[in-house]
Amino acid sequence: MSQHNRPIKQKKAQAPSQSKKRTAPPSDARNVAPQPKRRNATPADDLQKSSTKIISIRVGERDAPFPIQEGLLHGRSEFFKANTSVDHLPEVDPDTFALYHASLYTNQIFSSHEHGNPTAVASCHLKFSYLYLLCIKVKDVLGAELALGEIRKCIDRHELCVPPLDCVRIIYAGTKRGDPARTALAKIYAEKGTDKLLQSIAEDTPAQYWPQEFRMDLSPK
């Protein structure tokens, strides 16, 4: 059979490819930014809010207000941390609390130490003694250490000046046996007290002026 007489094979027509149609998003969804997932509050969030929250502590008979960051107060005072509803200290002197209030923000006590005048020096001792008792009351360990450090500074700047009788009475009336302030006072008197002063303390029977426990701490073991 000649090439001209061969049957011509028909090519199968290929079906047109069907492209996937893309569905356009709704017109109102094109311009809406994706919303972030809402995160549940964590303890860290509560702590941050607490640290910046301002509370007011009323002090003294006239309710002198002292605004304080709650986080700072709770970070130093175990008493206020455990008793969040307490906001009134009527028995505390506002001047004493003012010293404490300032120390919360700096962890230091900024107060001038009097020089020369024995009456002014005695007043300085009393001021820091009351501050120490306040720190003991609100269970602020660092605050108590700072106040006791200021009492020692008074001693260092006045070599022959021991804390007055009122200071000893205040500390012993507001603390328990073994308290660091008691130990410090007994040591200061033993090292810097004159023979005449120490003899008068020893002869103060039955402890009409000097606390009995102070006399015991002062006596040789």
Protein backbone atom coordinates (compact mmCIF):
# COMPACT_ATOMS: atom_id res chain seq x y z
CA MET A 1 0.00 0.00 0.00
CA SER A 2 1.38 3.29 -0.98
CA GLN A 3 1.94 6.01 1.50
CA HIS A 4 -0.73 8.11 -0.09
CA ASN A 5 -3.36 5.43 0.47
CA ARG A 6 -2.59 4.85 4.20
CA PRO A 7 -5.39 5.94 6.57
CA ILE A 8 -4.59 9.04 8.51
CA LYS A 9 -4.67 8.58 12.29
CA GLN A 10 -6.77 11.11 14.04
CA LYS A 11 -5.13 12.75 17.08
CA LYS A 12 -7.30 12.72 20.06
CA ALA A 13 -8.32 16.17 21.04
CA GLN A 14 -7.06 17.03 24.52
CA ALA A 15 -9.62 18.33 26.90
CA PRO A 16 -8.92 21.89 27.94
CA SER A 17 -7.23 22.05 31.40
CA GLN A 18 -9.47 23.20 34.11
CA SER A 19 -7.72 25.75 36.34
CA LYS A 20 -8.75 26.01 39.95
CA LYS A 21 -10.84 29.02 40.57
CA ARG A 22 -9.81 31.16 43.56
CA THR A 23 -12.58 32.46 45.65
CA ALA A 24 -12.07 36.09 46.59
CA PRO A 25 -12.52 36.88 50.29
CA PRO A 26 -15.49 38.97 51.24
CA SER A 27 -14.92 42.63 50.65
CA ASP A 28 -15.36 43.45 54.35
CA ALA A 29 -12.67 40.93 55.39
CA ARG A 30 -9.92 42.38 53.20
CA ASN A 31 -9.43 45.51 55.29
CA VAL A 32 -9.67 43.93 58.77
CA ALA A 33 -6.36 43.35 60.56
CA PRO A 34 -5.94 40.02 62.32
CA GLN A 35 -6.86 40.30 65.99
CA PRO A 36 -4.28 39.11 68.56
CA LYS A 37 -5.33 36.32 70.80
CA ARG A 38 -6.44 37.50 74.22
CA ARG A 39 -3.97 36.37 76.90
CA ASN A 40 -5.11 35.31 80.33
CA ALA A 41 -3.80 37.37 83.25
CA THR A 42 -0.78 35.85 85.00
CA PRO A 43 0.56 36.26 88.54
CA ALA A 44 3.27 38.50 87.06
CA ASP A 45 0.59 40.84 85.74
CA ASP A 46 -1.03 41.03 89.17
CA LEU A 47 2.37 41.75 90.74
CA GLN A 48 3.04 44.56 88.29
CA LYS A 49 -0.34 46.16 89.02
CA SER A 50 0.28 45.81 92.74
CA SER A 51 3.73 47.39 92.53
CA THR A 52 2.38 50.53 90.90
CA LYS A 53 -0.89 50.78 92.81
CA ILE A 54 -0.93 53.73 95.21
CA ILE A 55 -2.46 53.20 98.63
CA SER A 56 -2.74 55.63 101.54
CA ILE A 57 -1.72 54.91 105.13
CA ARG A 58 -3.24 57.23 107.74
CA VAL A 59 -0.91 57.89 110.65
CA GLY A 60 -1.33 59.46 114.10
CA GLU A 61 -4.32 60.89 115.88
CA ARG A 62 -4.96 63.37 113.08
CA ASP A 63 -4.81 60.71 110.34
CA ALA A 64 -1.90 62.23 108.43
CA PRO A 65 -2.04 60.59 104.97
CA PHE A 66 1.01 58.92 103.43
CA PRO A 67 0.59 57.73 99.82
CA ILE A 68 2.77 54.69 99.14
CA GLN A 69 3.26 52.29 96.26
CA GLU A 70 1.69 49.06 97.45
CA GLY A 71 4.44 46.92 95.93
CA LEU A 72 7.17 48.78 97.80
CA LEU A 73 5.36 48.54 101.12
CA HIS A 74 4.56 44.84 100.75
CA GLY A 75 8.10 44.14 99.57
CA ARG A 76 9.51 45.43 102.84
CA SER A 77 6.79 44.91 105.43
CA GLU A 78 5.57 41.41 106.19
CA PHE A 79 2.86 42.94 108.38
CA PHE A 80 1.26 45.02 105.62
CA LYS A 81 1.68 42.20 103.13
CA ALA A 82 -0.31 39.86 105.37
CA ASN A 83 -2.83 42.52 106.46
CA THR A 84 -3.77 44.35 103.27
CA SER A 85 -6.86 45.90 104.86
CA VAL A 86 -4.83 47.81 107.49
CA ASP A 87 -4.49 51.45 106.46
CA HIS A 88 -4.50 53.26 109.83
CA LEU A 89 -1.74 53.51 112.46
CA PRO A 90 -3.12 55.91 115.09
CA GLU A 91 -0.44 55.07 117.67
CA VAL A 92 2.50 55.95 115.38
CA ASP A 93 4.00 59.44 115.30
CA PRO A 94 3.78 60.99 111.81
CA ASP A 95 7.39 62.23 112.00
CA THR A 96 8.57 58.69 112.64
CA PHE A 97 6.49 57.32 109.78
CA ALA A 98 7.83 60.06 107.49
CA LEU A 99 11.34 58.67 108.00
CA TYR A 100 10.08 55.17 107.28
CA HIS A 101 8.11 56.33 104.24
CA ALA A 102 11.22 57.89 102.68
CA SER A 103 13.33 54.80 103.34
CA LEU A 104 10.93 52.62 101.33
CA TYR A 105 11.97 54.34 98.10
CA THR A 106 15.72 54.48 98.74
CA ASN A 107 16.53 51.71 101.23
CA GLN A 108 18.38 54.44 103.13
CA ILE A 109 17.59 56.85 105.95
CA PHE A 110 18.27 60.48 105.17
CA SER A 111 18.47 62.41 108.42
CA SER A 112 20.96 64.88 109.78
CA HIS A 113 22.93 63.95 112.88
CA GLU A 114 23.18 66.70 115.45
CA HIS A 115 26.60 67.77 116.67
CA GLY A 116 27.77 69.19 119.98
CA ASN A 117 24.49 69.86 121.75
CA PRO A 118 23.81 66.91 124.13
CA THR A 119 20.07 67.58 124.08
CA ALA A 120 19.99 67.46 120.28
CA VAL A 121 22.10 64.30 120.22
CA ALA A 122 19.73 62.64 122.71
CA SER A 123 16.81 63.65 120.50
CA CYS A 124 18.58 62.02 117.57
CA HIS A 125 18.87 58.74 119.50
CA LEU A 126 15.19 58.84 120.42
CA LYS A 127 14.14 59.51 116.83
CA PHE A 128 15.89 56.41 115.53
CA SER A 129 14.75 54.33 118.50
CA TYR A 130 11.10 55.04 117.63
CA LEU A 131 11.85 54.27 113.98
CA TYR A 132 13.38 50.95 115.02
CA LEU A 133 10.26 50.02 116.99
CA LEU A 134 8.05 50.93 114.05
CA CYS A 135 10.06 48.60 111.81
CA ILE A 136 9.73 45.83 114.41
CA LYS A 137 5.96 46.45 114.54
CA VAL A 138 5.47 46.20 110.77
CA LYS A 139 8.00 43.34 110.50
CA ASP A 140 10.45 45.16 108.27
CA VAL A 141 13.85 43.52 108.79
CA LEU A 142 15.78 45.84 106.49
CA GLY A 143 14.17 48.93 108.02
CA ALA A 144 15.14 47.79 111.52
CA GLU A 145 18.74 47.27 110.40
CA LEU A 146 18.83 50.76 108.88
CA ALA A 147 17.43 52.37 112.05
CA LEU A 148 19.90 50.53 114.27
CA GLY A 149 22.68 51.61 111.94
CA GLU A 150 21.69 55.26 112.48
CA ILE A 151 21.87 54.79 116.25
CA ARG A 152 25.40 53.45 115.83
CA LYS A 153 26.27 56.47 113.69
CA CYS A 154 25.25 58.73 116.53
CA ILE A 155 27.64 56.83 118.78
CA ASP A 156 30.51 56.95 116.28
CA ARG A 157 30.19 60.72 115.88
CA HIS A 158 30.08 61.32 119.63
CA GLU A 159 32.63 59.05 121.23
CA LEU A 160 31.61 59.83 124.81
CA CYS A 161 27.88 59.96 124.16
CA VAL A 162 25.85 56.84 124.95
CA PRO A 163 22.14 56.60 124.13
CA PRO A 164 20.07 58.25 126.88
CA LEU A 165 18.00 56.43 129.48
CA ASP A 166 14.79 57.11 127.53
CA CYS A 167 16.26 55.38 124.49
CA VAL A 168 17.06 52.29 126.56
CA ARG A 169 13.56 52.28 128.04
CA ILE A 170 11.91 52.63 124.63
CA ILE A 171 13.89 49.79 123.07
CA TYR A 172 13.44 47.40 126.00
CA ALA A 173 9.73 48.15 126.33
CA GLY A 174 9.06 47.43 122.65
CA THR A 175 11.30 44.43 122.00
CA LYS A 176 11.88 40.92 123.28
CA ARG A 177 14.89 39.24 124.85
CA GLY A 178 17.69 38.68 122.34
CA ASP A 179 16.63 41.54 120.07
CA PRO A 180 19.60 43.01 118.12
CA ALA A 181 18.91 46.51 119.44
CA ARG A 182 19.08 45.28 123.04
CA THR A 183 22.38 43.57 122.34
CA ALA A 184 23.75 46.70 120.67
CA LEU A 185 22.73 48.99 123.56
CA ALA A 186 24.29 46.74 126.19
CA LYS A 187 27.51 46.56 124.18
CA ILE A 188 27.63 50.34 123.68
CA TYR A 189 27.17 51.02 127.40
CA ALA A 190 29.76 48.41 128.36
CA GLU A 191 32.34 49.90 125.99
CA LYS A 192 31.63 53.64 126.25
CA GLY A 193 29.88 54.13 129.57
CA THR A 194 31.86 55.83 132.32
CA ASP A 195 32.62 53.99 135.55
CA LYS A 196 30.30 56.34 137.41
CA LEU A 197 27.44 55.65 134.98
CA LEU A 198 27.91 51.89 135.06
CA GLN A 199 28.04 51.94 138.87
CA SER A 200 24.80 53.91 139.09
CA ILE A 201 23.13 51.38 136.79
CA ALA A 202 24.37 48.49 138.90
CA GLU A 203 23.15 50.16 142.10
CA ASP A 204 19.72 50.92 140.64
CA THR A 205 17.85 48.42 142.79
CA PRO A 206 15.12 47.39 142.30
CA ALA A 207 15.48 48.88 138.79
CA GLN A 208 13.65 52.12 139.47
CA TYR A 209 15.17 53.85 136.46
CA TRP A 210 16.93 51.31 134.27
CA PRO A 211 15.06 48.29 132.86
CA GLN A 212 15.87 45.14 134.82
CA GLU A 213 16.58 43.15 131.66
CA PHE A 214 19.02 45.85 130.52
CA ARG A 215 20.91 45.55 133.82
CA MET A 216 21.06 41.78 133.30
CA ASP A 217 22.34 42.19 129.73
CA LEU A 218 24.92 44.68 130.93
CA SER A 219 26.25 42.56 133.77
CA PRO A 220 29.25 40.31 133.03
CA LYS A 221 28.24 36.82 132.04
